[in-house]
Amino acid sequence: MNTFLVRYSEIGLKGPRTRNDMEKRLVKNIKIAHGLKGYEVRIRTERGRIFVESENRETSINCLSRIMGIKSFSEVFPLEFSGILEIVNFVKNIYWERVRGKKFAVSVKRAGEHDFSSMDLEIKIADSLYSNSSGVDLKNPEVKIEVEVRGNVAYVISERINGPGGLPVGSEGRMTAMVSGGMDSPVAAWYMLRRGSPVDMVFFSLAYPIDVTQFLKNAQALYENWYFGYDPDIFIIDAARLVDDYLAKGKMKFANVSFKKIMYTVTEKIANDTKSNGIITGESSGQVSSQTPENLRELSRFMDIPIHRPLLGFDKDEIIDLAKKIGTYNPDPFGEFCAIFGETPVTRIKREELDEDMQNLYGYFPSKEEIHRIKGSKIYEFLDSINEKYEIDKIGQDAIVIDLRDPLTFKQWHYPGAINLSLSKVYEKISTMEDNKKIILYCQKGLQSAHVAARLNSIGYEAYFINLDRIRNQTQ
């Protein structure tokens, strides 16, 4: 068996009752994490220490480094002893080659009654290794030897491996995160998981089912690597009707803000229905037009549930680094909801302007058919059920090519023979075109063309979208 010593920090600052509850939750999550990987572990706790005995060393290292609430952990080598020389020889056998030609230090902690002091043991261990080393350095050792003695068992502690810290998932109140296929919101959800909250997810699909895949890859990375202790509810909202019936028909004058306000209100209803205690967003102050302090103020108005923005003061580079760390980084994002709006978004919306837009949106709420609810453990099954291929790599002959970009950008460059149409005119124009023709669409970031392709397929057309860079390459 492999033995690991698990350390926590913040849990130890709690009162006795809370500390006991959180420690039990942490132990439970450690068992769940290993169980999901197909292994059982034996766990025992004693005086603020958690010992994990595992049959699979690599699995345990992987799990323990990702369980919220674990500050650090170390592999340990236990020895039942009857005298100090047994401990000295045991440590010598482990570290003799490791200290060769290096400076080292020895640190001993004890709990219980012994006929030797901690300093006695430190000196004897150092003496036994000194001849094979380059000396002792207590301030900057190349090799640090740690030993804990508890009763008649000595634990030789290997190097420390960091965990995520924070609090165990499930020890704090439930939250609901608005998560997209981009980088910011998954990082925000991770931070609240790290604070012990079980986090459900809500995703607004503007090109259902095309853009769902990228979101679910983020959700899957979070669930498989960080959600130990909770199987989240995931709500996927098919918002295509909102785009077609409101945005494309000009009912949103300030769409980059009013569209997000609708997302807030739908998420609020879901959060209240699931007894969630707050909404989490990935907003960072000033990062995009909808996230200015003025717009965030108006977005938060009239919400009866708290809005939590863990990344409010983060730079984009910091968020990217965190996304890489937690496994949700995507160097080629499909596009987020703001990509589908106009070229002149409002950065400081007035209260009466947002109110006017919201009046025009009155009555919208996704139907039961437009809300898909799954569990985190069922992501793979759901992905299989929506695995429709609408993206293509090449434009063939006899296809109708539609460019959804603005007229100025279209004039600067477009695919030869492409038709320039706005989102509000595309369906009307297509209805007058020749039947049974393949339709291929492209736009600046991919989201508009994916949205239209999905909608056209849903009403019987053969439609696809293509990446702008790929279509450029074909003409060079």
Protein backbone atom coordinates (compact mmCIF):
# COMPACT_ATOMS: atom_id res chain seq x y z
CA MET A 1 0.00 0.00 0.00
CA ASN A 2 1.06 3.58 -0.70
CA THR A 3 0.50 6.03 2.14
CA PHE A 4 -0.10 9.77 1.78
CA LEU A 5 -0.29 12.49 4.40
CA VAL A 6 -2.93 15.08 3.48
CA ARG A 7 -2.71 18.62 4.85
CA TYR A 8 -5.32 21.34 4.98
CA SER A 9 -4.93 24.92 6.12
CA GLU A 10 -8.12 26.96 6.24
CA ILE A 11 -10.20 24.11 7.64
CA GLY A 12 -7.92 24.12 10.68
CA LEU A 13 -8.91 27.73 11.45
CA LYS A 14 -12.59 26.85 11.91
CA GLY A 15 -14.34 26.18 15.19
CA PRO A 16 -14.37 22.58 16.48
CA ARG A 17 -17.81 21.67 15.09
CA THR A 18 -17.30 23.25 11.66
CA ARG A 19 -13.79 21.85 11.45
CA ASN A 20 -15.06 18.36 12.20
CA ASP A 21 -17.82 18.62 9.57
CA MET A 22 -15.43 19.93 6.92
CA GLU A 23 -12.86 17.25 7.69
CA LYS A 24 -15.53 14.57 7.26
CA ARG A 25 -16.58 16.16 3.97
CA LEU A 26 -12.97 16.19 2.78
CA VAL A 27 -12.53 12.51 3.67
CA LYS A 28 -15.76 11.70 1.80
CA ASN A 29 -14.60 13.59 -1.31
CA ILE A 30 -11.24 11.79 -1.26
CA LYS A 31 -13.09 8.46 -1.30
CA ILE A 32 -15.42 9.63 -4.07
CA ALA A 33 -12.51 10.86 -6.22
CA HIS A 34 -10.74 7.50 -6.02
CA GLY A 35 -14.00 5.62 -6.54
CA LEU A 36 -14.64 7.47 -9.80
CA LYS A 37 -11.21 6.29 -10.96
CA GLY A 38 -12.03 2.69 -10.03
CA TYR A 39 -10.08 2.42 -6.77
CA GLU A 40 -10.87 2.19 -3.07
CA VAL A 41 -8.75 3.79 -0.36
CA ARG A 42 -8.43 3.40 3.37
CA ILE A 43 -8.44 6.67 5.30
CA ARG A 44 -7.73 7.42 8.92
CA THR A 45 -7.57 10.73 10.73
CA GLU A 46 -5.62 11.59 13.84
CA ARG A 47 -5.02 14.98 15.46
CA GLY A 48 -5.44 17.16 12.40
CA ARG A 49 -3.79 14.70 10.02
CA ILE A 50 -5.44 12.68 7.26
CA PHE A 51 -3.68 9.52 6.10
CA VAL A 52 -4.71 7.92 2.82
CA GLU A 53 -3.66 4.36 2.01
CA SER A 54 -3.94 3.52 -1.69
CA GLU A 55 -3.12 0.63 -4.00
CA ASN A 56 -2.41 2.92 -6.96
CA ARG A 57 0.20 5.61 -6.36
CA GLU A 58 -0.24 7.60 -9.59
CA THR A 59 -4.03 7.67 -9.30
CA SER A 60 -3.81 8.99 -5.76
CA ILE A 61 -1.31 11.70 -6.68
CA ASN A 62 -3.59 12.81 -9.52
CA CYS A 63 -6.71 12.80 -7.34
CA LEU A 64 -5.24 14.45 -4.25
CA SER A 65 -3.76 17.30 -6.31
CA ARG A 66 -7.27 18.20 -7.56
CA ILE A 67 -9.49 17.85 -4.49
CA MET A 68 -10.72 21.16 -3.12
CA GLY A 69 -9.71 21.68 0.51
CA ILE A 70 -6.32 19.96 0.23
CA LYS A 71 -3.50 22.44 0.78
CA SER A 72 -0.71 19.94 0.12
CA PHE A 73 0.10 16.27 0.51
CA SER A 74 3.14 14.02 0.65
CA GLU A 75 3.85 10.39 0.16
CA VAL A 76 5.01 8.99 3.50
CA PHE A 77 6.86 5.86 4.54
CA PRO A 78 5.62 4.54 7.92
CA LEU A 79 7.68 2.53 10.37
CA GLU A 80 6.58 0.91 13.61
CA PHE A 81 9.60 1.17 15.87
CA SER A 82 10.74 0.22 19.33
CA GLY A 83 13.86 2.39 19.54
CA ILE A 84 15.47 5.47 18.03
CA LEU A 85 18.12 3.54 16.06
CA GLU A 86 15.39 1.78 14.02
CA ILE A 87 14.15 5.18 12.86
CA VAL A 88 17.69 6.39 12.06
CA ASN A 89 18.48 3.31 9.96
CA PHE A 90 15.10 3.51 8.19
CA VAL A 91 15.70 7.14 7.17
CA LYS A 92 19.28 6.39 6.18
CA ASN A 93 18.17 3.65 3.78
CA ILE A 94 15.71 6.00 2.08
CA TYR A 95 17.94 9.09 1.81
CA TRP A 96 21.51 7.74 1.50
CA GLU A 97 21.63 8.13 -2.30
CA ARG A 98 19.37 11.20 -2.39
CA VAL A 99 21.84 13.30 -0.34
CA ARG A 100 24.95 12.21 -2.22
CA GLY A 101 27.01 15.34 -2.89
CA LYS A 102 24.18 17.62 -1.71
CA LYS A 103 23.48 19.83 1.29
CA PHE A 104 20.60 18.66 3.44
CA ALA A 105 18.56 19.46 6.53
CA VAL A 106 16.53 17.32 8.92
CA SER A 107 13.27 18.35 10.59
CA VAL A 108 11.54 16.17 13.20
CA LYS A 109 8.12 16.60 14.85
CA ARG A 110 6.87 14.39 17.66
CA ALA A 111 3.57 13.64 19.36
CA GLY A 112 3.53 11.27 22.35
CA GLU A 113 5.93 10.05 25.03
CA HIS A 114 9.43 8.95 23.92
CA ASP A 115 12.84 8.49 25.54
CA PHE A 116 14.37 10.88 22.99
CA SER A 117 13.69 14.46 21.94
CA SER A 118 13.04 15.78 18.45
CA MET A 119 16.54 17.32 18.45
CA ASP A 120 18.10 14.01 19.48
CA LEU A 121 16.55 12.31 16.45
CA GLU A 122 17.52 15.17 14.09
CA ILE A 123 21.18 14.94 15.18
CA LYS A 124 21.40 11.16 14.85
CA ILE A 125 19.77 11.17 11.37
CA ALA A 126 22.13 13.96 10.23
CA ASP A 127 25.16 12.09 11.58
CA SER A 128 24.16 8.93 9.71
CA LEU A 129 23.96 10.75 6.34
CA TYR A 130 26.71 13.35 6.73
CA SER A 131 29.56 11.34 5.21
CA ASN A 132 27.69 10.88 1.92
CA SER A 133 26.62 14.54 1.59
CA SER A 134 28.26 17.91 1.07
CA GLY A 135 27.13 19.05 4.51
CA VAL A 136 24.16 20.41 6.44
CA ASP A 137 22.41 23.65 5.44
CA LEU A 138 19.44 24.54 7.62
CA LYS A 139 18.44 27.65 5.61
CA ASN A 140 18.67 26.52 1.96
CA PRO A 141 19.04 22.74 1.82
CA GLU A 142 19.00 20.92 -1.50
CA VAL A 143 17.33 17.99 0.22
CA LYS A 144 14.92 18.44 3.13
CA ILE A 145 14.22 15.40 5.28
CA GLU A 146 11.00 15.52 7.32
CA VAL A 147 10.05 12.96 9.93
CA GLU A 148 6.92 12.87 12.10
CA VAL A 149 6.84 10.58 15.11
CA ARG A 150 3.39 9.72 16.49
CA GLY A 151 3.30 7.17 19.27
CA ASN A 152 5.26 4.13 18.12
CA VAL A 153 5.04 5.01 14.40
CA ALA A 154 7.52 7.20 12.54
CA TYR A 155 6.56 8.71 9.20
CA VAL A 156 9.28 9.69 6.75
CA ILE A 157 7.76 12.39 4.58
CA SER A 158 8.61 12.81 0.90
CA GLU A 159 8.38 16.11 -1.02
CA ARG A 160 5.25 18.23 -0.75
CA ILE A 161 2.80 18.32 -3.66
CA ASN A 162 0.39 21.24 -3.77
CA GLY A 163 -3.36 20.80 -3.87
CA PRO A 164 -5.84 23.54 -4.85
CA GLY A 165 -6.46 24.64 -1.24
CA GLY A 166 -9.77 26.24 -0.31
CA LEU A 167 -12.66 24.32 1.23
CA PRO A 168 -14.13 20.89 0.41
CA VAL A 169 -16.85 20.90 -2.25
CA GLY A 170 -20.19 20.59 -0.48
CA SER A 171 -19.16 22.41 2.67
CA GLU A 172 -20.71 25.71 1.52
CA GLY A 173 -23.98 26.71 -0.18
CA ARG A 174 -25.02 25.79 -3.71
CA MET A 175 -24.30 28.24 -6.58
CA THR A 176 -25.27 28.53 -10.25
CA ALA A 177 -22.68 29.61 -12.81
CA MET A 178 -23.32 31.10 -16.24
CA VAL A 179 -20.69 29.17 -18.23
CA SER A 180 -19.80 29.60 -21.91
CA GLY A 181 -17.44 27.99 -24.37
CA GLY A 182 -14.87 30.72 -23.68
CA MET A 183 -12.16 30.93 -21.04
CA ASP A 184 -13.44 33.33 -18.37
CA SER A 185 -16.59 31.74 -16.98
CA PRO A 186 -15.16 28.24 -16.39
CA VAL A 187 -12.37 29.84 -14.34
CA ALA A 188 -14.96 31.78 -12.31
CA ALA A 189 -16.90 28.56 -11.64
CA TRP A 190 -13.65 26.87 -10.55
CA TYR A 191 -12.96 29.62 -8.02
CA MET A 192 -16.33 29.16 -6.34
CA LEU A 193 -15.87 25.38 -6.32
CA ARG A 194 -12.62 26.11 -4.52
CA ARG A 195 -14.60 27.97 -1.88
CA GLY A 196 -16.57 24.80 -1.17
CA SER A 197 -19.77 25.57 -3.11
CA PRO A 198 -21.40 22.93 -5.30
CA VAL A 199 -21.77 24.75 -8.63
CA ASP A 200 -24.45 24.06 -11.23
CA MET A 201 -23.99 25.42 -14.77
CA VAL A 202 -26.19 27.29 -17.25
CA PHE A 203 -25.22 27.67 -20.91
CA PHE A 204 -27.02 29.78 -23.52
CA SER A 205 -26.69 28.19 -26.94
CA LEU A 206 -26.98 30.60 -29.86
CA ALA A 207 -26.29 27.96 -32.51
CA TYR A 208 -27.83 24.82 -31.04
CA PRO A 209 -26.43 22.18 -31.13
CA ILE A 210 -23.22 23.38 -32.80
CA ASP A 211 -21.85 25.61 -30.03
CA VAL A 212 -22.89 23.17 -27.30
CA THR A 213 -19.93 20.91 -27.99
CA GLN A 214 -17.30 23.46 -26.99
CA PHE A 215 -19.20 24.40 -23.84
CA LEU A 216 -19.53 20.75 -22.83
CA LYS A 217 -15.79 20.26 -23.28
CA ASN A 218 -15.27 22.99 -20.67
CA ALA A 219 -17.95 21.50 -18.42
CA GLN A 220 -16.43 18.05 -18.82
CA ALA A 221 -12.93 19.30 -17.91
CA LEU A 222 -14.33 20.91 -14.77
CA TYR A 223 -16.45 17.92 -13.80
CA GLU A 224 -13.86 15.20 -14.35
CA ASN A 225 -10.97 17.04 -12.71
CA TRP A 226 -12.41 19.27 -9.97
CA TYR A 227 -16.00 18.36 -9.04
CA PHE A 228 -15.19 15.46 -6.71
CA GLY A 229 -18.08 15.36 -4.23
CA TYR A 230 -20.85 16.80 -6.43
CA ASP A 231 -22.61 15.82 -9.66
CA PRO A 232 -23.80 19.18 -11.03
CA ASP A 233 -26.99 20.01 -12.84
CA ILE A 234 -26.23 21.46 -16.27
CA PHE A 235 -28.87 23.54 -18.04
CA ILE A 236 -28.45 24.12 -21.79
CA ILE A 237 -30.75 26.83 -23.10
CA ASP A 238 -31.53 26.79 -26.82
CA ALA A 239 -31.68 30.58 -27.33
CA ALA A 240 -31.94 30.52 -31.13
CA ARG A 241 -35.55 31.79 -30.97
CA LEU A 242 -34.38 34.76 -28.94
CA VAL A 243 -31.87 35.62 -31.67
CA ASP A 244 -34.32 35.16 -34.55
CA ASP A 245 -37.50 36.67 -33.07
CA TYR A 246 -35.96 39.55 -31.12
CA LEU A 247 -32.38 40.36 -32.13
CA ALA A 248 -32.69 39.78 -35.89
CA LYS A 249 -35.97 41.73 -35.99
CA GLY A 250 -34.44 44.81 -34.39
CA LYS A 251 -36.20 44.59 -31.02
CA MET A 252 -32.88 45.08 -29.18
CA LYS A 253 -31.32 48.50 -29.75
CA PHE A 254 -28.60 47.82 -27.18
CA ALA A 255 -28.24 44.10 -27.74
CA ASN A 256 -24.84 43.54 -26.09
CA VAL A 257 -26.38 44.56 -22.75
CA SER A 258 -30.07 43.66 -23.07
CA PHE A 259 -29.28 40.16 -24.36
CA LYS A 260 -27.11 39.56 -21.32
CA LYS A 261 -29.86 40.93 -19.07
CA ILE A 262 -32.18 38.25 -20.47
CA MET A 263 -29.48 35.67 -19.68
CA TYR A 264 -29.36 37.01 -16.11
CA THR A 265 -33.13 36.79 -15.63
CA VAL A 266 -33.40 33.24 -17.05
CA THR A 267 -30.50 32.09 -14.87
CA GLU A 268 -32.08 33.78 -11.86
CA LYS A 269 -35.28 31.74 -12.37
CA ILE A 270 -33.27 28.51 -12.65
CA ALA A 271 -31.19 29.41 -9.57
CA ASN A 272 -34.29 30.11 -7.51
CA ASP A 273 -35.95 26.88 -8.65
CA THR A 274 -32.89 24.87 -7.62
CA LYS A 275 -32.51 26.76 -4.32
CA SER A 276 -29.17 28.19 -5.35
CA ASN A 277 -27.64 30.95 -3.23
CA GLY A 278 -26.08 33.05 -5.97
CA ILE A 279 -25.18 33.45 -9.63
CA ILE A 280 -21.53 33.26 -10.77
CA THR A 281 -20.32 35.03 -13.90
CA GLY A 282 -16.90 35.29 -15.58
CA GLU A 283 -17.11 39.06 -16.00
CA SER A 284 -13.94 41.12 -15.65
CA SER A 285 -14.33 44.86 -15.34
CA GLY A 286 -13.86 46.61 -18.67
CA GLN A 287 -12.81 43.51 -20.59
CA VAL A 288 -15.61 43.80 -23.17
CA SER A 289 -18.36 46.34 -23.82
CA SER A 290 -20.99 44.64 -21.66
CA GLN A 291 -18.62 44.50 -18.68
CA THR A 292 -17.98 48.18 -18.01
CA PRO A 293 -18.81 49.27 -14.46
CA GLU A 294 -21.79 51.26 -15.79
CA ASN A 295 -23.22 48.29 -17.70
CA LEU A 296 -22.59 45.85 -14.84
CA ARG A 297 -24.49 48.19 -12.53
CA GLU A 298 -27.55 48.19 -14.77
CA LEU A 299 -27.32 44.45 -15.39
CA SER A 300 -27.42 43.82 -11.63
CA ARG A 301 -30.43 46.09 -11.04
CA PHE A 302 -33.62 44.37 -9.82
CA MET A 303 -31.88 41.01 -9.33
CA ASP A 304 -33.14 39.34 -6.16
CA ILE A 305 -30.22 36.91 -5.98
CA PRO A 306 -26.56 37.92 -5.47
CA ILE A 307 -24.27 38.13 -8.51
CA HIS A 308 -20.75 36.87 -7.79
CA ARG A 309 -17.92 37.94 -10.11
CA PRO A 310 -14.73 36.23 -8.88
CA LEU A 311 -12.68 37.57 -11.84
CA LEU A 312 -13.76 41.21 -11.63
CA GLY A 313 -10.22 42.55 -11.08
CA PHE A 314 -8.32 40.01 -13.19
CA ASP A 315 -6.38 40.81 -16.37
CA LYS A 316 -7.04 38.64 -19.41
CA ASP A 317 -3.52 37.18 -19.27
CA GLU A 318 -4.12 36.09 -15.68
CA ILE A 319 -7.38 34.40 -16.67
CA ILE A 320 -5.67 32.60 -19.56
CA ASP A 321 -2.96 31.31 -17.20
CA LEU A 322 -5.62 30.01 -14.81
CA ALA A 323 -7.56 28.37 -17.66
CA LYS A 324 -4.39 26.52 -18.66
CA LYS A 325 -3.85 25.45 -15.06
CA ILE A 326 -7.33 24.00 -14.58
CA GLY A 327 -7.58 22.44 -18.05
CA THR A 328 -10.25 24.63 -19.73
CA TYR A 329 -7.93 26.68 -21.97
CA ASN A 330 -8.97 26.79 -25.62
CA PRO A 331 -6.59 28.67 -27.95
CA ASP A 332 -9.23 28.85 -30.70
CA PRO A 333 -12.57 29.72 -29.04
CA PHE A 334 -15.70 29.39 -31.15
CA GLY A 335 -17.02 32.79 -30.09
CA GLU A 336 -19.12 34.02 -27.22
CA PHE A 337 -22.54 35.64 -27.24
CA CYS A 338 -21.25 39.19 -27.84
CA ALA A 339 -19.77 38.05 -31.17
CA ILE A 340 -23.25 37.82 -32.66
CA PHE A 341 -24.09 41.50 -32.11
CA GLY A 342 -23.33 44.66 -34.05
CA GLU A 343 -20.08 46.51 -34.52
CA THR A 344 -20.98 49.46 -32.22
CA PRO A 345 -21.94 48.04 -28.82
CA VAL A 346 -22.97 50.40 -26.03
CA THR A 347 -20.40 50.77 -23.22
CA ARG A 348 -22.35 53.02 -20.84
CA ILE A 349 -26.00 52.18 -21.15
CA LYS A 350 -28.56 54.50 -19.58
CA ARG A 351 -31.22 53.08 -17.32
CA GLU A 352 -34.07 54.18 -19.60
CA GLU A 353 -32.34 52.64 -22.62
CA LEU A 354 -32.10 49.22 -21.03
CA ASP A 355 -35.68 49.53 -19.75
CA GLU A 356 -36.89 50.23 -23.30
CA ASP A 357 -35.14 47.16 -24.66
CA MET A 358 -36.48 45.00 -21.86
CA GLN A 359 -40.03 46.16 -22.63
CA ASN A 360 -39.53 44.92 -26.18
CA LEU A 361 -38.32 41.60 -24.80
CA TYR A 362 -41.25 41.24 -22.42
CA GLY A 363 -42.72 37.78 -22.49
CA TYR A 364 -39.62 35.90 -23.62
CA PHE A 365 -38.66 32.86 -21.62
CA PRO A 366 -37.36 29.57 -23.01
CA SER A 367 -39.97 26.85 -23.34
CA LYS A 368 -39.58 23.43 -21.73
CA GLU A 369 -38.42 22.08 -25.10
CA GLU A 370 -35.71 24.76 -25.24
CA ILE A 371 -34.23 23.84 -21.84
CA HIS A 372 -32.09 20.70 -21.73
CA ARG A 373 -31.13 19.53 -18.23
CA ILE A 374 -28.43 16.93 -17.76
CA LYS A 375 -26.07 15.82 -15.01
CA GLY A 376 -22.31 16.26 -15.17
CA SER A 377 -21.94 12.48 -15.17
CA LYS A 378 -24.06 12.28 -18.35
CA ILE A 379 -22.06 14.71 -20.53
CA TYR A 380 -20.72 11.96 -22.79
CA GLU A 381 -24.20 10.56 -23.44
CA PHE A 382 -25.59 14.00 -24.28
CA LEU A 383 -22.69 14.76 -26.63
CA ASP A 384 -23.43 11.56 -28.52
CA SER A 385 -27.08 12.55 -28.91
CA ILE A 386 -26.28 15.93 -30.52
CA ASN A 387 -23.31 14.90 -32.62
CA GLU A 388 -24.43 16.63 -35.82
CA LYS A 389 -21.75 17.90 -38.24
CA TYR A 390 -22.57 21.30 -39.70
CA GLU A 391 -19.01 22.60 -40.09
CA ILE A 392 -17.10 21.93 -43.33
CA ASP A 393 -13.51 22.50 -44.42
CA LYS A 394 -13.95 23.33 -48.10
CA ILE A 395 -16.43 25.05 -50.41
CA GLY A 396 -17.38 22.87 -53.35
CA GLN A 397 -19.06 23.72 -56.62
CA ASP A 398 -22.69 24.83 -57.04
CA ALA A 399 -23.05 26.04 -53.45
CA ILE A 400 -24.68 29.30 -52.39
CA VAL A 401 -22.09 31.15 -50.28
CA ILE A 402 -23.33 33.78 -47.83
CA ASP A 403 -21.09 36.30 -46.06
CA LEU A 404 -22.69 37.56 -42.81
CA ARG A 405 -20.12 40.26 -42.07
CA ASP A 406 -20.80 44.00 -42.27
CA PRO A 407 -20.85 45.59 -45.76
CA LEU A 408 -17.57 47.50 -45.30
CA THR A 409 -15.63 44.38 -44.30
CA PHE A 410 -17.33 42.47 -47.14
CA LYS A 411 -16.22 45.13 -49.63
CA GLN A 412 -12.59 44.88 -48.46
CA TRP A 413 -12.50 41.13 -49.11
CA HIS A 414 -15.00 38.34 -49.69
CA TYR A 415 -15.15 34.91 -51.21
CA PRO A 416 -15.74 35.21 -54.98
CA GLY A 417 -19.47 35.05 -55.69
CA ALA A 418 -20.51 35.33 -52.05
CA ILE A 419 -23.74 37.14 -51.16
CA ASN A 420 -23.56 39.72 -48.38
CA LEU A 421 -26.55 39.46 -46.02
CA SER A 422 -27.26 40.69 -42.51
CA LEU A 423 -28.64 38.40 -39.83
CA SER A 424 -32.04 40.10 -40.13
CA LYS A 425 -32.27 39.55 -43.92
CA VAL A 426 -30.78 36.09 -44.37
CA TYR A 427 -33.96 34.00 -43.97
CA GLU A 428 -36.03 36.24 -46.18
CA LYS A 429 -33.43 36.10 -48.96
CA ILE A 430 -32.87 32.37 -48.74
CA SER A 431 -36.60 31.71 -49.14
CA THR A 432 -36.38 33.25 -52.65
CA MET A 433 -33.35 31.22 -53.74
CA GLU A 434 -33.24 28.05 -55.78
CA ASP A 435 -34.34 24.97 -53.86
CA ASN A 436 -32.05 21.97 -53.22
CA LYS A 437 -28.91 24.11 -53.24
CA LYS A 438 -26.26 23.60 -50.60
CA ILE A 439 -25.86 26.76 -48.49
CA ILE A 440 -22.49 27.65 -46.94
CA LEU A 441 -22.14 30.57 -44.54
CA TYR A 442 -19.22 32.36 -42.95
CA CYS A 443 -18.78 35.34 -40.61
CA GLN A 444 -16.05 37.04 -38.59
CA LYS A 445 -15.85 34.72 -35.58
CA GLY A 446 -18.00 31.73 -36.53
CA LEU A 447 -20.95 32.14 -34.16
CA GLN A 448 -23.36 33.95 -36.53
CA SER A 449 -22.75 31.51 -39.37
CA ALA A 450 -23.08 28.52 -37.01
CA HIS A 451 -26.35 29.93 -35.66
CA VAL A 452 -27.85 30.40 -39.14
CA ALA A 453 -26.63 26.99 -40.35
CA ALA A 454 -28.27 25.27 -37.38
CA ARG A 455 -31.55 27.13 -37.87
CA LEU A 456 -31.66 26.43 -41.62
CA ASN A 457 -31.05 22.73 -41.04
CA SER A 458 -33.87 22.68 -38.51
CA ILE A 459 -36.33 23.88 -41.20
CA GLY A 460 -35.20 21.55 -43.96
CA TYR A 461 -32.28 23.23 -45.74
CA GLU A 462 -28.84 21.70 -46.29
CA ALA A 463 -26.67 24.35 -44.67
CA TYR A 464 -23.13 24.46 -43.32
CA PHE A 465 -20.70 26.99 -41.91
CA ILE A 466 -16.99 27.37 -42.59
CA ASN A 467 -14.12 29.01 -40.71
CA LEU A 468 -13.12 32.38 -42.18
CA ASP A 469 -9.39 31.54 -42.24
CA ARG A 470 -10.08 28.33 -44.16
CA ILE A 471 -12.14 30.13 -46.75
CA ARG A 472 -9.40 32.76 -47.17
CA ASN A 473 -6.80 30.05 -47.71
CA GLN A 474 -8.86 28.54 -50.52
CA THR A 475 -8.67 31.78 -52.51
CA GLN A 476 -4.92 32.31 -52.15
